[in-house]
Amino acid sequence: MANSTFSGPVRSQNGFETVSINSTTGAVTTTSTLGVTTSVTNLTATNLVFTEQNHPATAAINATATASAAEVATGYITSTSAAATTITLPTGTLLGAALGATRGTVLDLYVDNTLGASTVTIAVATNGILSAAAAAGSGAGAGLLTVPSGVTGIGCFRIVFASATAYVFSRIA
């Protein structure tokens, strides 16, 4: 069958399946399913960019610490600390392994300090490289790696893997 391109929504009452057909036997194997419950099977975390994010799990870091790969992988870290807090991201190797990362894997990380009483600063660890803008901004005191407390205290950062074990870290909002 040829490829089809649609300009409007594609709808199904019974879900969608991706299949492969054995060229010798003609056997059809379902490789992934998207059903009425919106569950997806056989989906990998490779090269995903999330545009509509819901974070059912979040991580709370309320004192200076190194975040675990699992905490960062939630995509949403909260802090309610009364004192200035520095959150160091995990190494590229640990975070890459937790995400199953390859070159081009992207993770948006939100740091929510709206209930905190002091600034949160983000730092990178081994194999975490600041983007040129983040590096210039942090050196000039522009605050690209800090998240203020209170109602404006949410920062959005993007982690883009250059390999399975190294990432570039940027502030995007």
N, C-alpha and C. Protein backbone atom coordinates (compact mmCIF):
# COMPACT_ATOMS: atom_id res chain seq x y z
N MET A 1 0.84 -1.17 0.00
CA MET A 1 0.00 0.00 0.00
C MET A 1 0.89 1.24 0.00
N ALA A 2 0.47 2.25 -0.66
CA ALA A 2 1.22 3.50 -0.73
C ALA A 2 1.03 4.31 0.55
N ASN A 3 1.92 5.28 0.77
CA ASN A 3 1.77 6.19 1.88
C ASN A 3 0.60 7.12 1.61
N SER A 4 -0.11 7.48 2.68
CA SER A 4 -1.23 8.42 2.57
C SER A 4 -0.96 9.61 3.46
N THR A 5 -1.29 10.79 2.98
CA THR A 5 -1.14 12.00 3.76
C THR A 5 -2.52 12.62 3.93
N PHE A 6 -2.84 13.00 5.16
CA PHE A 6 -4.14 13.58 5.46
C PHE A 6 -3.94 14.99 5.98
N SER A 7 -4.84 15.90 5.62
CA SER A 7 -4.73 17.26 6.12
C SER A 7 -5.62 17.48 7.34
N GLY A 8 -6.54 16.59 7.60
CA GLY A 8 -7.42 16.71 8.77
C GLY A 8 -7.15 15.58 9.74
N PRO A 9 -7.93 15.49 10.81
CA PRO A 9 -7.71 14.43 11.79
C PRO A 9 -8.06 13.05 11.22
N VAL A 10 -7.36 12.06 11.67
CA VAL A 10 -7.65 10.68 11.32
C VAL A 10 -8.31 10.06 12.55
N ARG A 11 -9.47 9.43 12.36
CA ARG A 11 -10.21 8.92 13.48
C ARG A 11 -10.51 7.44 13.30
N SER A 12 -10.58 6.74 14.44
CA SER A 12 -10.95 5.33 14.44
C SER A 12 -11.65 5.01 15.75
N GLN A 13 -12.70 4.23 15.69
CA GLN A 13 -13.39 3.82 16.91
C GLN A 13 -12.73 2.58 17.52
N ASN A 14 -11.90 1.91 16.76
CA ASN A 14 -11.32 0.66 17.24
C ASN A 14 -9.80 0.69 17.35
N GLY A 15 -9.19 1.87 17.40
CA GLY A 15 -7.75 1.96 17.59
C GLY A 15 -6.96 1.88 16.29
N PHE A 16 -5.64 1.93 16.45
CA PHE A 16 -4.72 1.87 15.32
C PHE A 16 -3.65 0.83 15.62
N GLU A 17 -3.18 0.15 14.61
CA GLU A 17 -2.11 -0.82 14.76
C GLU A 17 -1.04 -0.57 13.71
N THR A 18 0.22 -0.76 14.12
CA THR A 18 1.32 -0.79 13.17
C THR A 18 1.70 -2.26 13.02
N VAL A 19 1.81 -2.71 11.78
CA VAL A 19 2.07 -4.12 11.53
C VAL A 19 3.27 -4.29 10.62
N SER A 20 3.85 -5.48 10.68
CA SER A 20 4.86 -5.86 9.71
C SER A 20 4.39 -7.16 9.06
N ILE A 21 4.75 -7.32 7.80
CA ILE A 21 4.34 -8.51 7.05
C ILE A 21 5.58 -9.25 6.61
N ASN A 22 5.66 -10.52 6.99
CA ASN A 22 6.79 -11.36 6.61
C ASN A 22 6.76 -11.58 5.10
N SER A 23 7.84 -11.22 4.43
CA SER A 23 7.86 -11.29 2.96
C SER A 23 7.83 -12.72 2.44
N THR A 24 8.22 -13.67 3.25
CA THR A 24 8.22 -15.07 2.82
C THR A 24 6.89 -15.75 3.08
N THR A 25 6.41 -15.64 4.34
CA THR A 25 5.20 -16.37 4.73
C THR A 25 3.94 -15.54 4.61
N GLY A 26 4.08 -14.23 4.58
CA GLY A 26 2.91 -13.36 4.55
C GLY A 26 2.27 -13.16 5.91
N ALA A 27 2.90 -13.71 6.96
CA ALA A 27 2.35 -13.59 8.32
C ALA A 27 2.37 -12.13 8.75
N VAL A 28 1.29 -11.70 9.36
CA VAL A 28 1.15 -10.33 9.84
C VAL A 28 1.43 -10.30 11.34
N THR A 29 2.35 -9.43 11.76
CA THR A 29 2.69 -9.28 13.17
C THR A 29 2.41 -7.84 13.58
N THR A 30 1.64 -7.66 14.67
CA THR A 30 1.38 -6.33 15.20
C THR A 30 2.59 -5.87 15.98
N THR A 31 3.17 -4.71 15.60
CA THR A 31 4.35 -4.19 16.28
C THR A 31 4.02 -3.12 17.30
N SER A 32 2.92 -2.41 17.13
CA SER A 32 2.47 -1.45 18.15
C SER A 32 0.97 -1.23 17.98
N THR A 33 0.35 -0.83 19.09
CA THR A 33 -1.09 -0.62 19.10
C THR A 33 -1.41 0.68 19.82
N LEU A 34 -2.30 1.45 19.27
CA LEU A 34 -2.83 2.64 19.93
C LEU A 34 -4.32 2.41 20.00
N GLY A 35 -4.83 2.17 21.21
CA GLY A 35 -6.23 1.79 21.36
C GLY A 35 -7.08 2.88 21.98
N VAL A 36 -8.30 2.51 22.32
CA VAL A 36 -9.24 3.46 22.87
C VAL A 36 -8.81 4.00 24.22
N THR A 37 -7.98 3.29 24.94
CA THR A 37 -7.50 3.78 26.22
C THR A 37 -6.22 4.60 26.06
N THR A 38 -5.83 4.87 24.85
CA THR A 38 -4.64 5.64 24.50
C THR A 38 -3.37 5.02 25.07
N SER A 39 -3.33 3.71 25.14
CA SER A 39 -2.09 3.05 25.55
C SER A 39 -1.29 2.72 24.32
N VAL A 40 0.01 2.79 24.46
CA VAL A 40 0.90 2.48 23.35
C VAL A 40 1.83 1.37 23.81
N THR A 41 1.97 0.35 22.98
CA THR A 41 2.90 -0.73 23.30
C THR A 41 4.09 -0.67 22.37
N ASN A 42 5.19 -1.17 22.83
CA ASN A 42 6.43 -1.25 22.05
C ASN A 42 6.94 0.12 21.62
N LEU A 43 6.74 1.14 22.44
CA LEU A 43 7.22 2.48 22.14
C LEU A 43 8.51 2.69 22.91
N THR A 44 9.54 3.20 22.26
CA THR A 44 10.80 3.46 22.94
C THR A 44 10.93 4.95 23.20
N ALA A 45 11.81 5.30 24.12
CA ALA A 45 12.02 6.70 24.48
C ALA A 45 12.98 7.41 23.54
N THR A 46 13.41 6.76 22.50
CA THR A 46 14.40 7.33 21.60
C THR A 46 13.82 8.47 20.78
N ASN A 47 14.50 9.61 20.81
CA ASN A 47 14.18 10.75 19.96
C ASN A 47 12.77 11.30 20.13
N LEU A 48 12.25 11.27 21.34
CA LEU A 48 10.92 11.81 21.58
C LEU A 48 11.00 13.27 21.99
N VAL A 49 10.12 14.07 21.49
CA VAL A 49 9.95 15.43 21.96
C VAL A 49 8.50 15.54 22.41
N PHE A 50 8.30 15.90 23.64
CA PHE A 50 6.96 15.99 24.17
C PHE A 50 6.46 17.43 24.02
N THR A 51 5.34 17.61 23.36
CA THR A 51 4.82 18.95 23.17
C THR A 51 3.65 19.24 24.10
N GLU A 52 2.87 18.24 24.45
CA GLU A 52 1.80 18.41 25.43
C GLU A 52 2.15 17.52 26.59
N GLN A 53 2.68 18.12 27.64
CA GLN A 53 3.21 17.33 28.73
C GLN A 53 2.28 17.34 29.93
N ASN A 54 2.10 16.18 30.49
CA ASN A 54 1.43 16.02 31.76
C ASN A 54 2.39 15.22 32.61
N HIS A 55 2.69 15.70 33.79
CA HIS A 55 3.69 15.05 34.63
C HIS A 55 3.00 14.39 35.82
N PRO A 56 2.54 13.13 35.64
CA PRO A 56 1.87 12.45 36.74
C PRO A 56 2.81 12.20 37.91
N ALA A 57 4.09 12.09 37.66
CA ALA A 57 5.08 11.92 38.72
C ALA A 57 6.00 13.13 38.70
N THR A 58 6.28 13.65 39.87
CA THR A 58 7.23 14.75 39.99
C THR A 58 8.24 14.38 41.06
N ALA A 59 9.32 15.13 41.10
CA ALA A 59 10.36 14.91 42.10
C ALA A 59 10.48 16.17 42.94
N ALA A 60 10.62 16.02 44.25
CA ALA A 60 10.81 17.16 45.15
C ALA A 60 12.26 17.18 45.61
N ILE A 61 12.93 18.30 45.35
CA ILE A 61 14.31 18.49 45.83
C ILE A 61 14.32 19.80 46.59
N ASN A 62 14.42 19.71 47.91
CA ASN A 62 14.26 20.88 48.77
C ASN A 62 15.54 21.30 49.48
N ALA A 63 16.66 20.77 49.07
CA ALA A 63 17.96 21.17 49.61
C ALA A 63 18.99 20.93 48.52
N THR A 64 20.14 21.58 48.65
CA THR A 64 21.20 21.39 47.66
C THR A 64 21.54 19.91 47.55
N ALA A 65 21.52 19.40 46.32
CA ALA A 65 21.74 17.96 46.10
C ALA A 65 21.99 17.69 44.63
N THR A 66 22.45 16.48 44.33
CA THR A 66 22.51 16.00 42.96
C THR A 66 21.24 15.22 42.69
N ALA A 67 20.51 15.62 41.68
CA ALA A 67 19.27 14.93 41.32
C ALA A 67 19.60 13.56 40.75
N SER A 68 18.79 12.59 41.07
CA SER A 68 18.99 11.27 40.48
C SER A 68 18.48 11.30 39.04
N ALA A 69 18.91 10.33 38.27
CA ALA A 69 18.43 10.23 36.88
C ALA A 69 16.92 10.03 36.86
N ALA A 70 16.40 9.25 37.81
CA ALA A 70 14.95 9.01 37.88
C ALA A 70 14.19 10.30 38.18
N GLU A 71 14.74 11.15 39.04
CA GLU A 71 14.08 12.43 39.35
C GLU A 71 14.03 13.32 38.12
N VAL A 72 15.12 13.42 37.40
CA VAL A 72 15.16 14.26 36.20
C VAL A 72 14.25 13.67 35.12
N ALA A 73 14.20 12.35 35.02
CA ALA A 73 13.39 11.70 33.99
C ALA A 73 11.90 11.97 34.17
N THR A 74 11.45 12.38 35.37
CA THR A 74 10.04 12.75 35.53
C THR A 74 9.71 13.98 34.71
N GLY A 75 10.72 14.82 34.44
CA GLY A 75 10.50 16.04 33.67
C GLY A 75 9.99 17.20 34.49
N TYR A 76 9.80 16.99 35.83
CA TYR A 76 9.24 18.06 36.66
C TYR A 76 9.79 17.95 38.07
N ILE A 77 10.57 18.94 38.47
CA ILE A 77 11.15 18.97 39.81
C ILE A 77 10.59 20.17 40.55
N THR A 78 10.12 19.94 41.78
CA THR A 78 9.64 21.02 42.62
C THR A 78 10.64 21.30 43.72
N SER A 79 10.64 22.54 44.21
CA SER A 79 11.46 22.91 45.36
C SER A 79 10.66 23.88 46.21
N THR A 80 10.66 23.62 47.51
CA THR A 80 9.95 24.50 48.45
C THR A 80 10.90 25.01 49.52
N SER A 81 12.17 25.03 49.21
CA SER A 81 13.19 25.38 50.18
C SER A 81 13.13 26.86 50.57
N ALA A 82 13.41 27.12 51.85
CA ALA A 82 13.53 28.49 52.33
C ALA A 82 14.93 29.04 52.08
N ALA A 83 15.88 28.15 51.83
CA ALA A 83 17.27 28.55 51.59
C ALA A 83 17.62 28.40 50.12
N ALA A 84 18.64 29.12 49.70
CA ALA A 84 19.12 28.98 48.33
C ALA A 84 19.50 27.52 48.09
N THR A 85 19.12 26.99 46.94
CA THR A 85 19.30 25.58 46.65
C THR A 85 19.99 25.43 45.30
N THR A 86 20.96 24.52 45.21
CA THR A 86 21.57 24.17 43.94
C THR A 86 21.23 22.72 43.64
N ILE A 87 20.65 22.50 42.47
CA ILE A 87 20.33 21.14 42.01
C ILE A 87 21.32 20.82 40.89
N THR A 88 22.16 19.83 41.14
CA THR A 88 23.11 19.39 40.12
C THR A 88 22.47 18.22 39.37
N LEU A 89 22.48 18.30 38.06
CA LEU A 89 21.91 17.23 37.25
C LEU A 89 22.84 16.02 37.27
N PRO A 90 22.30 14.83 37.00
CA PRO A 90 23.16 13.64 36.96
C PRO A 90 24.11 13.67 35.77
N THR A 91 25.08 12.79 35.80
CA THR A 91 26.02 12.71 34.68
C THR A 91 25.28 12.31 33.41
N GLY A 92 25.89 12.61 32.29
CA GLY A 92 25.30 12.22 31.01
C GLY A 92 25.13 10.71 30.91
N THR A 93 26.06 9.97 31.47
CA THR A 93 25.99 8.51 31.41
C THR A 93 24.78 7.99 32.19
N LEU A 94 24.59 8.49 33.41
CA LEU A 94 23.46 8.03 34.23
C LEU A 94 22.12 8.45 33.64
N LEU A 95 22.01 9.71 33.22
CA LEU A 95 20.75 10.18 32.66
C LEU A 95 20.46 9.51 31.32
N GLY A 96 21.48 9.36 30.50
CA GLY A 96 21.30 8.69 29.22
C GLY A 96 20.81 7.26 29.39
N ALA A 97 21.37 6.55 30.37
CA ALA A 97 20.94 5.16 30.62
C ALA A 97 19.50 5.12 31.11
N ALA A 98 19.12 6.05 31.98
CA ALA A 98 17.75 6.06 32.50
C ALA A 98 16.73 6.34 31.41
N LEU A 99 17.10 7.14 30.43
CA LEU A 99 16.17 7.51 29.36
C LEU A 99 16.28 6.60 28.14
N GLY A 100 17.30 5.75 28.11
CA GLY A 100 17.55 4.97 26.89
C GLY A 100 17.94 5.90 25.75
N ALA A 101 18.71 6.93 26.08
CA ALA A 101 19.01 8.00 25.13
C ALA A 101 19.94 7.57 24.02
N THR A 102 19.75 8.19 22.88
CA THR A 102 20.67 8.13 21.75
C THR A 102 20.84 9.56 21.26
N ARG A 103 21.70 9.75 20.30
CA ARG A 103 21.88 11.09 19.73
C ARG A 103 20.53 11.62 19.25
N GLY A 104 20.15 12.81 19.71
CA GLY A 104 18.90 13.42 19.30
C GLY A 104 17.76 13.23 20.29
N THR A 105 17.95 12.45 21.35
CA THR A 105 16.91 12.31 22.37
C THR A 105 16.76 13.65 23.09
N VAL A 106 15.52 14.07 23.32
CA VAL A 106 15.23 15.37 23.91
C VAL A 106 14.34 15.19 25.14
N LEU A 107 14.66 15.91 26.21
CA LEU A 107 13.82 15.92 27.41
C LEU A 107 13.67 17.36 27.86
N ASP A 108 12.44 17.81 28.04
CA ASP A 108 12.19 19.11 28.64
C ASP A 108 12.05 18.91 30.13
N LEU A 109 12.74 19.73 30.91
CA LEU A 109 12.74 19.65 32.37
C LEU A 109 12.20 20.95 32.94
N TYR A 110 11.14 20.84 33.74
CA TYR A 110 10.57 22.00 34.41
C TYR A 110 11.04 22.00 35.86
N VAL A 111 11.45 23.17 36.34
CA VAL A 111 11.81 23.34 37.74
C VAL A 111 10.82 24.35 38.31
N ASP A 112 10.01 23.89 39.26
CA ASP A 112 8.93 24.68 39.85
C ASP A 112 9.35 25.12 41.25
N ASN A 113 9.61 26.41 41.39
CA ASN A 113 10.01 27.00 42.66
C ASN A 113 8.97 27.99 43.16
N THR A 114 7.72 27.83 42.72
CA THR A 114 6.67 28.78 43.09
C THR A 114 6.35 28.76 44.58
N LEU A 115 6.61 27.65 45.27
CA LEU A 115 6.34 27.58 46.71
C LEU A 115 7.62 27.72 47.53
N GLY A 116 8.73 27.97 46.87
CA GLY A 116 10.00 28.17 47.58
C GLY A 116 10.14 29.59 48.05
N ALA A 117 11.13 29.81 48.92
CA ALA A 117 11.36 31.15 49.45
C ALA A 117 12.72 31.70 49.05
N SER A 118 13.46 30.98 48.22
CA SER A 118 14.77 31.44 47.77
C SER A 118 15.06 30.86 46.39
N THR A 119 16.12 31.31 45.78
CA THR A 119 16.46 30.93 44.41
C THR A 119 16.96 29.50 44.31
N VAL A 120 16.59 28.84 43.21
CA VAL A 120 17.13 27.52 42.86
C VAL A 120 18.07 27.71 41.68
N THR A 121 19.25 27.16 41.78
CA THR A 121 20.24 27.20 40.70
C THR A 121 20.44 25.80 40.17
N ILE A 122 20.51 25.67 38.85
CA ILE A 122 20.73 24.38 38.21
C ILE A 122 22.18 24.30 37.75
N ALA A 123 22.82 23.15 38.01
CA ALA A 123 24.20 22.93 37.58
C ALA A 123 24.26 21.60 36.82
N VAL A 124 25.20 21.49 35.90
CA VAL A 124 25.36 20.24 35.16
C VAL A 124 26.55 19.48 35.70
N ALA A 125 26.54 18.16 35.50
CA ALA A 125 27.62 17.29 35.96
C ALA A 125 28.44 16.83 34.77
N THR A 126 29.27 15.83 34.98
CA THR A 126 30.12 15.28 33.93
C THR A 126 29.28 14.88 32.72
N ASN A 127 29.75 15.25 31.54
CA ASN A 127 29.08 14.98 30.27
C ASN A 127 27.77 15.74 30.11
N GLY A 128 27.58 16.76 30.91
CA GLY A 128 26.50 17.71 30.73
C GLY A 128 27.15 19.02 30.32
N ILE A 129 26.81 19.52 29.17
CA ILE A 129 27.46 20.71 28.64
C ILE A 129 26.43 21.82 28.55
N LEU A 130 26.76 22.99 29.04
CA LEU A 130 25.86 24.13 28.91
C LEU A 130 25.86 24.60 27.46
N SER A 131 24.68 24.94 26.95
CA SER A 131 24.62 25.54 25.62
C SER A 131 25.39 26.85 25.66
N ALA A 132 25.75 27.37 24.50
CA ALA A 132 26.51 28.62 24.44
C ALA A 132 25.76 29.75 25.13
N ALA A 133 24.45 29.83 24.92
CA ALA A 133 23.66 30.90 25.54
C ALA A 133 23.61 30.73 27.05
N ALA A 134 23.41 29.51 27.53
CA ALA A 134 23.36 29.28 28.97
C ALA A 134 24.70 29.57 29.61
N ALA A 135 25.78 29.17 28.96
CA ALA A 135 27.12 29.42 29.49
C ALA A 135 27.41 30.92 29.55
N ALA A 136 27.05 31.64 28.49
CA ALA A 136 27.29 33.09 28.47
C ALA A 136 26.42 33.79 29.50
N GLY A 137 25.18 33.37 29.61
CA GLY A 137 24.26 33.99 30.56
C GLY A 137 24.64 33.73 32.00
N SER A 138 25.12 32.53 32.30
CA SER A 138 25.48 32.23 33.68
C SER A 138 26.75 32.97 34.07
N GLY A 139 27.67 33.14 33.12
CA GLY A 139 28.90 33.85 33.41
C GLY A 139 28.66 35.34 33.57
N ALA A 140 27.69 35.88 32.87
CA ALA A 140 27.41 37.31 32.93
C ALA A 140 26.41 37.64 34.03
N GLY A 141 25.97 36.62 34.79
CA GLY A 141 25.01 36.87 35.86
C GLY A 141 23.60 37.10 35.35
N ALA A 142 23.29 36.67 34.13
CA ALA A 142 21.98 36.90 33.56
C ALA A 142 20.91 35.98 34.14
N GLY A 143 21.31 35.00 34.93
CA GLY A 143 20.34 34.17 35.60
C GLY A 143 19.73 33.07 34.77
N LEU A 144 20.39 32.65 33.69
CA LEU A 144 19.78 31.61 32.86
C LEU A 144 19.71 30.26 33.56
N LEU A 145 20.50 30.08 34.60
CA LEU A 145 20.49 28.81 35.32
C LEU A 145 19.82 28.93 36.68
N THR A 146 19.16 30.03 36.93
CA THR A 146 18.48 30.21 38.22
C THR A 146 16.98 30.32 38.02
N VAL A 147 16.25 29.86 39.03
CA VAL A 147 14.79 29.94 39.02
C VAL A 147 14.39 30.70 40.28
N PRO A 148 13.74 31.87 40.12
CA PRO A 148 13.35 32.65 41.30
C PRO A 148 12.23 31.95 42.06
N SER A 149 12.03 32.39 43.29
CA SER A 149 10.91 31.86 44.07
C SER A 149 9.67 32.69 43.78
N GLY A 150 8.52 32.17 44.17
CA GLY A 150 7.27 32.91 44.03
C GLY A 150 6.56 32.66 42.72
N VAL A 151 5.63 33.54 42.39
CA VAL A 151 4.72 33.32 41.27
C VAL A 151 5.41 33.21 39.92
N THR A 152 6.61 33.77 39.77
CA THR A 152 7.33 33.65 38.49
C THR A 152 8.34 32.52 38.53
N GLY A 153 8.28 31.68 39.54
CA GLY A 153 9.30 30.69 39.78
C GLY A 153 9.18 29.37 39.07
N ILE A 154 8.98 29.39 37.78
CA ILE A 154 9.03 28.16 36.99
C ILE A 154 10.00 28.37 35.84
N GLY A 155 10.96 27.47 35.72
CA GLY A 155 11.91 27.52 34.61
C GLY A 155 11.77 26.27 33.77
N CYS A 156 11.92 26.43 32.47
CA CYS A 156 11.86 25.28 31.56
C CYS A 156 13.23 25.15 30.89
N PHE A 157 13.77 23.96 30.97
CA PHE A 157 15.09 23.67 30.43
C PHE A 157 14.98 22.52 29.44
N ARG A 158 15.84 22.51 28.45
CA ARG A 158 15.84 21.43 27.46
C ARG A 158 17.17 20.70 27.53
N ILE A 159 17.08 19.38 27.57
CA ILE A 159 18.24 18.51 27.57
C ILE A 159 18.23 17.77 26.23
N VAL A 160 19.27 17.97 25.43
CA VAL A 160 19.38 17.32 24.12
C VAL A 160 20.64 16.47 24.12
N PHE A 161 20.48 15.18 23.85
CA PHE A 161 21.62 14.27 23.87
C PHE A 161 22.37 14.32 22.54
N ALA A 162 23.70 14.53 22.66
CA ALA A 162 24.59 14.50 21.50
C ALA A 162 25.09 13.08 21.27
N SER A 163 24.98 12.23 22.28
CA SER A 163 25.31 10.81 22.21
C SER A 163 24.53 10.14 23.34
N ALA A 164 24.72 8.85 23.52
CA ALA A 164 24.01 8.14 24.58
C ALA A 164 24.48 8.56 25.97
N THR A 165 25.62 9.24 26.06
CA THR A 165 26.19 9.56 27.37
C THR A 165 26.53 11.03 27.57
N ALA A 166 26.15 11.90 26.65
CA ALA A 166 26.47 13.33 26.78
C ALA A 166 25.29 14.17 26.31
N TYR A 167 25.01 15.23 27.07
CA TYR A 167 23.89 16.08 26.72
C TYR A 167 24.28 17.56 26.77
N VAL A 168 23.50 18.35 26.02
CA VAL A 168 23.62 19.81 26.05
C VAL A 168 22.41 20.33 26.80
N PHE A 169 22.64 21.26 27.73
CA PHE A 169 21.61 21.77 28.62
C PHE A 169 21.34 23.24 28.29
N SER A 170 20.08 23.59 28.03
CA SER A 170 19.71 24.96 27.67
C SER A 170 18.47 25.39 28.43
N ARG A 171 18.36 26.66 28.70
CA ARG A 171 17.12 27.20 29.25
C ARG A 171 16.27 27.65 28.07
N ILE A 172 14.98 27.26 28.07
CA ILE A 172 14.12 27.65 26.96
C ILE A 172 12.97 28.54 27.41
N ALA A 173 12.74 28.65 28.70
CA ALA A 173 11.70 29.59 29.19
C ALA A 173 11.90 29.84 30.66
